[in-house]
Amino acid sequence: MLVFKEYPMSSSDPGTADLMAFSQDQSCNVDGAHSYLMPKLMYALDRTRNAVIKSLRFTKTLDFIYEKNLPKFQKLVEDVKDRVNKHIKDDLDLLVHSENLYELFNEFEEILAKNEHRRGQKAWRPTDDIDSDLRPHLVAVKLAHRERLRGEVERWSKDVEELH
């Protein structure tokens, strides 16, 4: 029986340094799509897959058989790791393509780029006071209404002057 052992990730892990270095690359082409987020996701998934494959081992209950037939079990473990690796890779590729993640990440990056100028601005959040929440949103409408009324008052004033 194969089981997974825990694979702790820490900042001292050499793979974490690789990911940090990879993350600093701000423009990677993946399947012809200019993206900087998708390669990071693919790299993280690849690292996770490798960690899972490395963690495959036989349980301690089979140690006595394992020690007696070491070459056969080593080959068996390697075969299982290769198969699991292939299936995980295929499933991840299928997921990425069926969910159209490349296009979604590109759209997400476009949204981020369009809103880059808003970075650092405080986002509006509702409070319990409805009037104070709506006041800033109604200012533009009320100003336009005031200008329309001023125009009508001016027109009526001219009409009144013409009658005198």
Protein backbone atom coordinates (compact mmCIF):
# COMPACT_ATOMS: atom_id res chain seq x y z
CA MET A 1 0.00 0.00 0.00
CA LEU A 2 1.40 3.41 -0.99
CA VAL A 3 0.88 6.45 1.21
CA PHE A 4 1.84 10.10 1.12
CA LYS A 5 4.09 11.54 3.75
CA GLU A 6 4.05 15.22 4.61
CA TYR A 7 6.33 17.43 2.60
CA PRO A 8 6.88 20.65 4.56
CA MET A 9 7.62 23.76 2.53
CA SER A 10 9.73 26.39 4.25
CA SER A 11 11.61 29.49 3.26
CA SER A 12 14.87 27.55 3.61
CA ASP A 13 13.68 25.01 1.03
CA PRO A 14 15.78 25.46 -2.13
CA GLY A 15 12.65 25.16 -4.26
CA THR A 16 11.16 28.19 -2.55
CA ALA A 17 14.16 30.24 -3.67
CA ASP A 18 13.59 28.96 -7.22
CA LEU A 19 9.97 30.07 -7.05
CA MET A 20 11.00 33.49 -5.74
CA ALA A 21 13.48 33.89 -8.59
CA PHE A 22 10.87 32.67 -11.06
CA SER A 23 8.31 35.13 -9.64
CA GLN A 24 10.60 38.06 -10.36
CA ASP A 25 10.33 37.37 -14.10
CA GLN A 26 7.49 39.69 -15.08
CA SER A 27 6.98 38.57 -18.66
CA CYS A 28 6.83 34.93 -19.72
CA ASN A 29 5.22 33.49 -22.81
CA VAL A 30 3.20 30.38 -22.11
CA ASP A 31 1.46 28.79 -25.09
CA GLY A 32 1.84 32.07 -26.98
CA ALA A 33 0.00 34.07 -24.33
CA HIS A 34 1.89 36.95 -22.77
CA SER A 35 1.42 36.39 -19.09
CA TYR A 36 3.26 36.79 -15.83
CA LEU A 37 0.79 35.07 -13.49
CA MET A 38 0.13 31.83 -15.39
CA PRO A 39 3.78 30.67 -15.44
CA LYS A 40 3.91 31.23 -11.67
CA LEU A 41 0.85 29.02 -11.22
CA MET A 42 2.28 26.35 -13.52
CA TYR A 43 5.60 26.45 -11.65
CA ALA A 44 3.83 26.08 -8.30
CA LEU A 45 1.74 23.18 -9.60
CA ASP A 46 4.87 21.52 -10.97
CA ARG A 47 6.64 21.91 -7.61
CA THR A 48 3.62 20.45 -5.82
CA ARG A 49 3.47 17.53 -8.21
CA ASN A 50 7.18 16.85 -7.68
CA ALA A 51 6.73 17.01 -3.92
CA VAL A 52 3.90 14.48 -4.09
CA ILE A 53 5.95 12.13 -6.24
CA LYS A 54 8.96 12.41 -3.92
CA SER A 55 6.80 11.62 -0.91
CA LEU A 56 5.52 8.26 -2.22
CA ARG A 57 6.82 5.38 -0.14
CA PHE A 58 5.71 2.05 1.23
CA THR A 59 4.17 1.89 4.66
CA LYS A 60 6.18 0.47 7.52
CA THR A 61 4.04 -2.67 7.55
CA LEU A 62 5.76 -3.83 4.36
CA ASP A 63 9.32 -3.07 5.50
CA PHE A 64 10.19 -6.73 6.09
CA ILE A 65 9.20 -7.62 2.50
CA TYR A 66 10.84 -4.49 1.16
CA GLU A 67 14.19 -5.34 2.75
CA LYS A 68 14.18 -8.89 1.36
CA ASN A 69 13.33 -7.85 -2.22
CA LEU A 70 14.97 -4.45 -2.39
CA PRO A 71 15.71 -4.29 -6.17
CA LYS A 72 12.21 -5.44 -7.13
CA PHE A 73 10.55 -2.99 -4.75
CA GLN A 74 12.76 -0.13 -5.86
CA LYS A 75 11.78 -0.78 -9.46
CA LEU A 76 8.11 -1.06 -8.42
CA VAL A 77 8.25 2.22 -6.53
CA GLU A 78 9.90 3.96 -9.49
CA ASP A 79 7.25 2.57 -11.87
CA VAL A 80 4.45 3.73 -9.58
CA LYS A 81 6.05 7.17 -9.26
CA ASP A 82 6.37 7.44 -13.04
CA ARG A 83 2.73 6.46 -13.58
CA VAL A 84 1.43 8.79 -10.87
CA ASN A 85 3.60 11.60 -12.22
CA LYS A 86 2.28 11.07 -15.75
CA HIS A 87 -1.35 10.95 -14.61
CA ILE A 88 -1.01 14.08 -12.47
CA LYS A 89 0.68 15.92 -15.35
CA ASP A 90 -2.04 14.85 -17.77
CA ASP A 91 -4.80 15.86 -15.35
CA LEU A 92 -3.24 19.27 -14.74
CA ASP A 93 -2.86 19.88 -18.48
CA LEU A 94 -6.45 18.83 -19.05
CA LEU A 95 -7.63 21.12 -16.24
CA VAL A 96 -5.67 24.10 -17.55
CA HIS A 97 -6.94 23.67 -21.10
CA SER A 98 -10.53 22.68 -20.31
CA GLU A 99 -10.99 25.59 -17.90
CA ASN A 100 -9.19 27.90 -20.34
CA LEU A 101 -6.92 29.20 -17.59
CA TYR A 102 -4.52 30.93 -20.00
CA GLU A 103 -7.29 33.19 -21.31
CA LEU A 104 -8.71 33.78 -17.82
CA PHE A 105 -5.31 34.78 -16.45
CA ASN A 106 -4.74 37.10 -19.42
CA GLU A 107 -8.11 38.77 -18.82
CA PHE A 108 -7.29 39.08 -15.13
CA GLU A 109 -3.95 40.69 -15.95
CA GLU A 110 -5.70 43.16 -18.31
CA ILE A 111 -8.07 44.14 -15.51
CA LEU A 112 -5.13 44.61 -13.16
CA ALA A 113 -3.32 46.74 -15.75
CA LYS A 114 -6.39 48.94 -16.37
CA ASN A 115 -6.72 49.59 -12.65
CA GLU A 116 -3.02 50.12 -11.92
CA HIS A 117 -3.64 53.85 -11.43
CA ARG A 118 -6.05 53.05 -8.60
CA ARG A 119 -3.44 51.13 -6.62
CA GLY A 120 -3.17 52.57 -3.14
CA GLN A 121 -6.60 54.20 -3.21
CA LYS A 122 -8.92 53.26 -0.42
CA ALA A 123 -11.85 51.17 -1.63
CA TRP A 124 -15.35 52.29 -0.72
CA ARG A 125 -16.99 50.22 1.98
CA PRO A 126 -20.58 50.62 3.21
CA THR A 127 -21.35 51.77 6.73
CA ASP A 128 -24.52 51.46 8.75
CA ASP A 129 -25.66 54.98 7.76
CA ILE A 130 -27.42 54.67 4.40
CA ASP A 131 -27.63 58.44 3.83
CA SER A 132 -23.89 58.94 4.24
CA ASP A 133 -23.20 55.91 2.00
CA LEU A 134 -25.41 57.25 -0.81
CA ARG A 135 -24.42 60.93 -0.53
CA PRO A 136 -21.17 60.69 -2.57
CA HIS A 137 -22.93 58.67 -5.27
CA LEU A 138 -25.80 61.14 -5.59
CA VAL A 139 -23.65 64.29 -5.80
CA ALA A 140 -23.14 64.03 -9.57
CA VAL A 141 -26.85 63.42 -10.17
CA LYS A 142 -27.87 66.32 -7.93
CA LEU A 143 -25.33 68.68 -9.55
CA ALA A 144 -26.68 67.84 -13.01
CA HIS A 145 -30.24 68.40 -11.76
CA ARG A 146 -29.20 71.77 -10.24
CA GLU A 147 -27.68 72.88 -13.56
CA ARG A 148 -30.86 71.89 -15.40
CA LEU A 149 -32.97 73.86 -12.90
CA ARG A 150 -30.67 76.90 -13.20
CA GLY A 151 -31.15 76.79 -16.96
CA GLU A 152 -34.94 76.70 -16.53
CA VAL A 153 -34.84 79.59 -14.02
CA GLU A 154 -32.80 81.66 -16.48
CA ARG A 155 -35.28 80.83 -19.27
CA TRP A 156 -38.23 81.79 -17.04
CA SER A 157 -36.47 84.98 -15.96
CA LYS A 158 -36.07 85.96 -19.63
CA ASP A 159 -39.76 85.15 -20.23
CA VAL A 160 -40.77 87.33 -17.26
CA GLU A 161 -38.56 90.21 -18.50
CA GLU A 162 -40.14 89.97 -21.94
CA LEU A 163 -43.61 90.24 -20.37
CA HIS A 164 -42.68 93.54 -18.59
